[in-house]
Amino acid sequence: MKTNSFFRGIGHQTLLYTVVFSLLLSCSFDHSFLKPTSFSRAQNRIVAASSSDTTVLTISGRDLQPSITKTSDNGDLSETSIKGVTFISGSGNNLNGWLLSPVSKKAITTIIHLHGNGGFMLSHLGFGTSMVKQGYQVFMFDYSGFGYSSGEATRENSMNDALSAIDFVLSMPEVAGTKIVLYGQSFGGHLAPMVAGERLEKIDVLVLEGAFTSYPAIAGKQVPLLGPVLVKGGNSALKSIPNITIPVLIIHSREDKVIPFRMGEKLYEKASEPREFMAIDGCHICGPSLYPEEISKKIDALVDSY
């Protein structure tokens, strides 16, 4: 048969190498989505320096209570209270989280933040402080293998971690009686619709910023043709978002060089009502720092409508 002659033509050894290479490349792609920065508890002082700022994080106690100082003028944390917590994920790993709250007033809305695929909580502190300045309470946490959270950084663990984070947050006395907003950025934005679909009765509003549609789709951006074929698909933001019945806000920058703007548009097209699309300018997931008031107004309007 022609099929047999084809395989004889390329040779069994060549075919084997091709299959093995494809499998290895697939695993490599899967791992390339998650690029955690991790620490042992013995590393209780972390210094992060940039061209304009130096941030020092010190942790202490069983719940890894953070103490954070910044050198820049816009890094003042005096109006933000930060409570360190640890909790066990459905993945079986011990996760580290922070509850950021306004000092001067009681928040009526709690944002649960799902961060991107790299760094750790301190890398995303700007999101939390920006939202706290708008009057929100923000819960941030690290997925398995990120920061001081134990375990391995995998797609499956991240999903279990996010579900467990929602359950844990709702058990905190500080959160009782507040509205709940699930806000995912980048990798967290892709994760958020899948997570929300399993916790719809516990969430009031879903916000996605700079989210990609699926793993194969973003792999195709990195490696055209081969990427989508070699990366495991499974569930995705694009498949999950039509089933979300709570209000959805999708934010995406026209200038995003990491996740194409068109992916944000596709997610909006698939989303069910009530939904809103906010096109912005600027860098990838920079919305809260560039448009904090505009985003806050849209979130509040959606919370009030539900």
Protein backbone atom coordinates (compact mmCIF):
# COMPACT_ATOMS: atom_id res chain seq x y z
CA MET A 1 0.00 0.00 0.00
CA LYS A 2 1.12 3.59 -0.52
CA THR A 3 1.13 4.24 3.23
CA ASN A 4 3.52 1.33 3.86
CA SER A 5 5.83 2.41 1.05
CA PHE A 6 5.89 5.92 2.52
CA PHE A 7 6.96 4.66 5.94
CA ARG A 8 9.53 2.37 4.33
CA GLY A 9 10.80 5.39 2.40
CA ILE A 10 11.52 7.51 5.44
CA GLY A 11 12.75 4.55 7.46
CA HIS A 12 11.67 3.34 10.88
CA GLN A 13 14.58 5.02 12.62
CA THR A 14 13.82 8.42 11.09
CA LEU A 15 10.16 8.05 12.02
CA LEU A 16 11.08 7.18 15.59
CA TYR A 17 13.34 10.24 15.86
CA THR A 18 10.52 12.41 14.47
CA VAL A 19 8.00 11.12 17.01
CA VAL A 20 10.42 11.47 19.93
CA PHE A 21 11.40 14.99 18.85
CA SER A 22 7.76 15.99 18.59
CA LEU A 23 7.00 14.68 22.07
CA LEU A 24 10.01 16.42 23.57
CA LEU A 25 9.11 19.67 21.83
CA SER A 26 5.56 19.37 23.09
CA CYS A 27 6.78 18.98 26.68
CA SER A 28 9.15 21.90 26.18
CA PHE A 29 6.29 24.10 24.98
CA ASP A 30 4.13 23.14 27.94
CA HIS A 31 6.89 24.03 30.39
CA SER A 32 7.74 27.25 28.55
CA PHE A 33 4.35 28.71 29.47
CA LEU A 34 5.34 28.83 33.14
CA LYS A 35 8.54 30.61 34.14
CA PRO A 36 8.41 30.90 37.93
CA THR A 37 10.80 32.63 40.25
CA SER A 38 10.96 30.52 43.41
CA PHE A 39 12.55 30.74 46.86
CA SER A 40 13.04 28.57 49.92
CA ARG A 41 11.78 29.85 53.27
CA ALA A 42 15.39 30.23 54.32
CA GLN A 43 15.62 33.09 51.80
CA ASN A 44 13.67 35.50 53.98
CA ARG A 45 14.97 38.71 52.42
CA ILE A 46 14.58 39.45 48.70
CA VAL A 47 15.91 42.55 46.96
CA ALA A 48 14.48 43.45 43.55
CA ALA A 49 16.16 46.36 41.77
CA SER A 50 15.15 48.18 38.59
CA SER A 51 16.45 51.31 36.88
CA SER A 52 14.06 53.49 38.89
CA ASP A 53 13.35 51.60 42.08
CA THR A 54 14.60 49.10 44.63
CA THR A 55 12.11 46.92 46.48
CA VAL A 56 13.02 44.92 49.56
CA LEU A 57 10.78 42.07 50.73
CA THR A 58 11.29 40.49 54.14
CA ILE A 59 9.13 37.61 55.36
CA SER A 60 8.61 36.30 58.88
CA GLY A 61 6.49 33.83 60.83
CA ARG A 62 4.53 30.76 59.84
CA ASP A 63 2.26 32.72 57.49
CA LEU A 64 5.22 34.47 55.82
CA GLN A 65 4.11 37.95 56.86
CA PRO A 66 5.66 40.35 54.34
CA SER A 67 7.40 43.62 55.09
CA ILE A 68 7.96 45.65 51.91
CA THR A 69 9.93 48.84 51.38
CA LYS A 70 10.41 50.74 48.14
CA THR A 71 12.75 53.60 47.28
CA SER A 72 10.73 55.37 44.57
CA ASP A 73 8.31 58.20 45.35
CA ASN A 74 5.42 56.31 43.75
CA GLY A 75 6.22 53.21 45.78
CA ASP A 76 4.66 54.48 49.01
CA LEU A 77 2.84 51.61 50.72
CA SER A 78 1.75 53.56 53.80
CA GLU A 79 -1.91 53.46 52.71
CA THR A 80 -1.85 49.71 52.06
CA SER A 81 -2.16 47.02 54.71
CA ILE A 82 -0.65 43.65 53.70
CA LYS A 83 -1.51 40.42 55.49
CA GLY A 84 0.48 37.27 54.71
CA VAL A 85 -1.32 33.92 54.60
CA THR A 86 -0.58 30.33 53.70
CA PHE A 87 -3.12 27.72 52.61
CA ILE A 88 -3.22 24.23 51.17
CA SER A 89 -4.22 23.86 47.52
CA GLY A 90 -6.23 21.07 45.97
CA SER A 91 -2.93 20.24 44.30
CA GLY A 92 -1.64 19.30 47.76
CA ASN A 93 0.88 22.13 47.80
CA ASN A 94 1.35 24.85 50.41
CA LEU A 95 0.60 28.22 48.80
CA ASN A 96 1.57 31.74 49.85
CA GLY A 97 -0.82 34.66 49.51
CA TRP A 98 -1.20 38.33 50.46
CA LEU A 99 -4.36 40.25 51.30
CA LEU A 100 -3.88 43.93 50.44
CA SER A 101 -6.40 46.33 51.99
CA PRO A 102 -6.87 50.12 52.13
CA VAL A 103 -5.80 51.57 55.47
CA SER A 104 -8.20 54.51 55.54
CA LYS A 105 -11.49 52.81 54.62
CA LYS A 106 -13.23 49.45 54.46
CA ALA A 107 -13.41 47.92 51.00
CA ILE A 108 -16.77 46.72 49.70
CA THR A 109 -15.25 44.73 46.81
CA THR A 110 -12.51 42.08 46.92
CA ILE A 111 -10.43 41.35 43.83
CA ILE A 112 -8.89 37.89 43.53
CA HIS A 113 -5.88 38.23 41.26
CA LEU A 114 -4.56 35.50 38.96
CA HIS A 115 -1.11 36.63 37.85
CA GLY A 116 0.87 35.87 34.72
CA ASN A 117 3.22 33.03 33.88
CA GLY A 118 6.43 34.53 35.27
CA GLY A 119 8.03 35.95 38.39
CA PHE A 120 6.15 35.78 41.71
CA MET A 121 3.82 37.95 43.78
CA LEU A 122 6.29 40.76 44.31
CA SER A 123 6.63 41.04 40.52
CA HIS A 124 2.91 41.84 40.36
CA LEU A 125 2.67 44.08 43.43
CA GLY A 126 1.98 47.09 41.22
CA PHE A 127 -1.35 45.58 40.24
CA GLY A 128 -2.35 45.21 43.88
CA THR A 129 -1.32 48.68 44.99
CA SER A 130 -3.01 50.31 41.98
CA MET A 131 -6.29 48.59 42.78
CA VAL A 132 -6.04 49.31 46.52
CA LYS A 133 -5.69 53.02 45.70
CA GLN A 134 -9.05 52.72 43.93
CA GLY A 135 -10.61 51.41 47.15
CA TYR A 136 -10.51 47.66 46.48
CA GLN A 137 -9.25 44.88 48.68
CA VAL A 138 -6.93 42.60 46.67
CA PHE A 139 -5.98 38.99 47.28
CA MET A 140 -2.82 37.91 45.48
CA PHE A 141 -1.21 34.49 45.63
CA ASP A 142 1.50 32.43 43.98
CA TYR A 143 0.74 29.26 42.06
CA SER A 144 2.59 26.06 42.94
CA GLY A 145 6.31 26.47 42.29
CA PHE A 146 6.16 30.28 42.30
CA GLY A 147 7.66 32.45 45.04
CA TYR A 148 7.34 30.70 48.40
CA SER A 149 4.59 28.32 47.22
CA SER A 150 5.68 24.69 47.20
CA GLY A 151 5.32 22.11 44.45
CA GLU A 152 5.81 22.12 40.71
CA ALA A 153 4.65 24.84 38.33
CA THR A 154 2.26 23.05 35.95
CA ARG A 155 -0.91 23.97 34.12
CA GLU A 156 -2.92 21.42 36.14
CA ASN A 157 -1.56 22.65 39.47
CA SER A 158 -2.27 26.27 38.55
CA MET A 159 -5.91 25.42 37.87
CA ASN A 160 -6.27 23.60 41.19
CA ASP A 161 -4.45 26.43 42.97
CA ALA A 162 -6.80 29.09 41.58
CA LEU A 163 -9.90 27.13 42.59
CA SER A 164 -8.51 26.62 46.08
CA ALA A 165 -7.58 30.30 46.35
CA ILE A 166 -11.20 31.33 45.74
CA ASP A 167 -12.44 28.91 48.41
CA PHE A 168 -9.80 30.11 50.86
CA VAL A 169 -10.45 33.81 50.27
CA LEU A 170 -14.16 33.40 50.90
CA SER A 171 -13.37 31.84 54.28
CA MET A 172 -11.44 34.94 55.42
CA PRO A 173 -13.35 37.20 57.86
CA GLU A 174 -11.99 40.30 56.11
CA VAL A 175 -13.77 39.26 52.90
CA ALA A 176 -17.18 38.50 54.40
CA GLY A 177 -19.93 40.59 52.83
CA THR A 178 -17.80 41.99 50.00
CA LYS A 179 -18.44 41.57 46.29
CA ILE A 180 -15.98 39.21 44.56
CA VAL A 181 -14.16 40.07 41.33
CA LEU A 182 -11.90 37.49 39.66
CA TYR A 183 -9.24 39.40 37.71
CA GLY A 184 -6.83 37.41 35.52
CA GLN A 185 -3.89 38.84 33.61
CA SER A 186 -2.07 37.17 30.68
CA PHE A 187 -1.68 33.48 31.68
CA GLY A 188 -4.02 34.21 34.58
CA GLY A 189 -6.46 35.75 32.11
CA HIS A 190 -6.52 32.51 30.15
CA LEU A 191 -6.98 30.57 33.39
CA ALA A 192 -9.74 32.80 34.77
CA PRO A 193 -12.72 31.75 32.56
CA MET A 194 -12.00 28.07 33.25
CA VAL A 195 -11.80 28.77 36.99
CA ALA A 196 -14.87 31.01 36.98
CA GLY A 197 -16.86 28.30 35.22
CA GLU A 198 -16.41 26.07 38.27
CA ARG A 199 -17.10 28.78 40.87
CA LEU A 200 -19.80 30.92 39.22
CA GLU A 201 -21.96 31.01 42.35
CA LYS A 202 -19.06 32.55 44.30
CA ILE A 203 -17.98 35.28 41.84
CA ASP A 204 -19.76 38.50 40.92
CA VAL A 205 -17.62 39.80 38.02
CA LEU A 206 -14.92 38.32 35.77
CA VAL A 207 -12.16 40.55 34.36
CA LEU A 208 -9.60 39.40 31.77
CA GLU A 209 -6.63 41.53 30.76
CA GLY A 210 -4.16 40.64 28.01
CA ALA A 211 -5.49 37.07 27.93
CA PHE A 212 -4.76 34.52 25.21
CA THR A 213 -7.43 32.28 23.73
CA SER A 214 -5.79 28.84 24.03
CA TYR A 215 -2.40 27.20 24.51
CA PRO A 216 -2.15 26.02 20.88
CA ALA A 217 -3.05 29.51 19.66
CA ILE A 218 -0.34 31.28 21.66
CA ALA A 219 2.14 28.54 20.76
CA GLY A 220 1.33 29.26 17.13
CA LYS A 221 2.38 32.86 17.68
CA GLN A 222 5.75 31.67 19.00
CA VAL A 223 6.31 28.93 16.44
CA PRO A 224 4.00 29.17 13.40
CA LEU A 225 2.64 25.90 11.95
CA LEU A 226 4.40 23.55 14.41
CA GLY A 227 3.35 25.25 17.65
CA PRO A 228 -0.40 24.56 17.54
CA VAL A 229 0.19 20.93 16.52
CA LEU A 230 2.67 20.10 19.28
CA VAL A 231 1.05 21.81 22.27
CA LYS A 232 -1.63 20.05 24.27
CA GLY A 233 -4.94 21.85 23.94
CA GLY A 234 -7.61 20.70 26.39
CA ASN A 235 -9.92 23.23 27.93
CA SER A 236 -9.29 26.89 27.19
CA ALA A 237 -10.48 30.42 27.80
CA LEU A 238 -12.12 30.43 24.37
CA LYS A 239 -14.09 27.26 25.11
CA SER A 240 -15.07 28.32 28.63
CA ILE A 241 -16.07 31.93 28.22
CA PRO A 242 -19.41 31.34 26.43
CA ASN A 243 -20.61 29.53 29.56
CA ILE A 244 -19.87 32.44 31.91
CA THR A 245 -23.17 34.01 32.96
CA ILE A 246 -21.81 36.71 35.27
CA PRO A 247 -20.70 40.12 33.88
CA VAL A 248 -17.41 39.96 31.96
CA LEU A 249 -14.96 42.79 31.28
CA ILE A 250 -12.21 42.12 28.72
CA ILE A 251 -9.29 44.55 28.61
CA HIS A 252 -6.62 44.41 25.91
CA SER A 253 -4.02 46.84 24.62
CA ARG A 254 -3.86 47.58 20.92
CA GLU A 255 -0.08 47.82 21.39
CA ASP A 256 0.29 44.48 23.22
CA LYS A 257 3.44 42.79 21.89
CA VAL A 258 3.03 39.63 24.01
CA ILE A 259 -0.58 38.59 23.39
CA PRO A 260 -2.12 39.76 20.08
CA PHE A 261 -4.98 42.25 20.39
CA ARG A 262 -7.06 40.00 18.16
CA MET A 263 -7.13 37.35 20.88
CA GLY A 264 -8.87 39.76 23.22
CA GLU A 265 -11.39 40.52 20.50
CA LYS A 266 -12.03 36.80 19.93
CA LEU A 267 -12.68 36.24 23.63
CA TYR A 268 -15.14 39.14 23.61
CA GLU A 269 -16.91 37.75 20.54
CA LYS A 270 -17.39 34.40 22.29
CA ALA A 271 -18.41 35.87 25.65
CA SER A 272 -22.06 35.87 26.68
CA GLU A 273 -23.93 38.95 27.82
CA PRO A 274 -23.48 40.95 29.96
CA ARG A 275 -20.02 41.70 28.53
CA GLU A 276 -17.86 44.71 27.85
CA PHE A 277 -14.65 45.23 25.87
CA MET A 278 -12.12 47.90 26.87
CA ALA A 279 -9.49 48.62 24.23
CA ILE A 280 -6.52 50.50 25.68
CA ASP A 281 -3.02 51.58 24.64
CA GLY A 282 0.27 50.81 26.32
CA CYS A 283 2.25 47.73 27.28
CA HIS A 284 1.08 44.20 28.05
CA ILE A 285 -1.14 44.06 31.20
CA CYS A 286 -0.32 47.67 32.12
CA GLY A 287 -3.98 48.68 32.37
CA PRO A 288 -4.17 49.10 36.17
CA SER A 289 -1.13 51.37 36.22
CA LEU A 290 -2.12 53.42 33.14
CA TYR A 291 -5.94 53.45 33.43
CA PRO A 292 -6.76 52.73 37.10
CA GLU A 293 -9.75 55.07 37.36
CA GLU A 294 -11.27 54.01 34.03
CA ILE A 295 -10.97 50.33 34.90
CA SER A 296 -12.33 50.94 38.39
CA LYS A 297 -15.43 52.68 37.02
CA LYS A 298 -16.16 49.80 34.65
CA ILE A 299 -15.69 47.19 37.38
CA ASP A 300 -17.95 49.09 39.79
CA ALA A 301 -20.64 49.48 37.13
CA LEU A 302 -20.58 45.74 36.39
CA VAL A 303 -20.63 44.86 40.10
CA ASP A 304 -23.64 47.13 40.64
CA SER A 305 -25.45 45.61 37.66
CA TYR A 306 -25.24 42.05 38.94
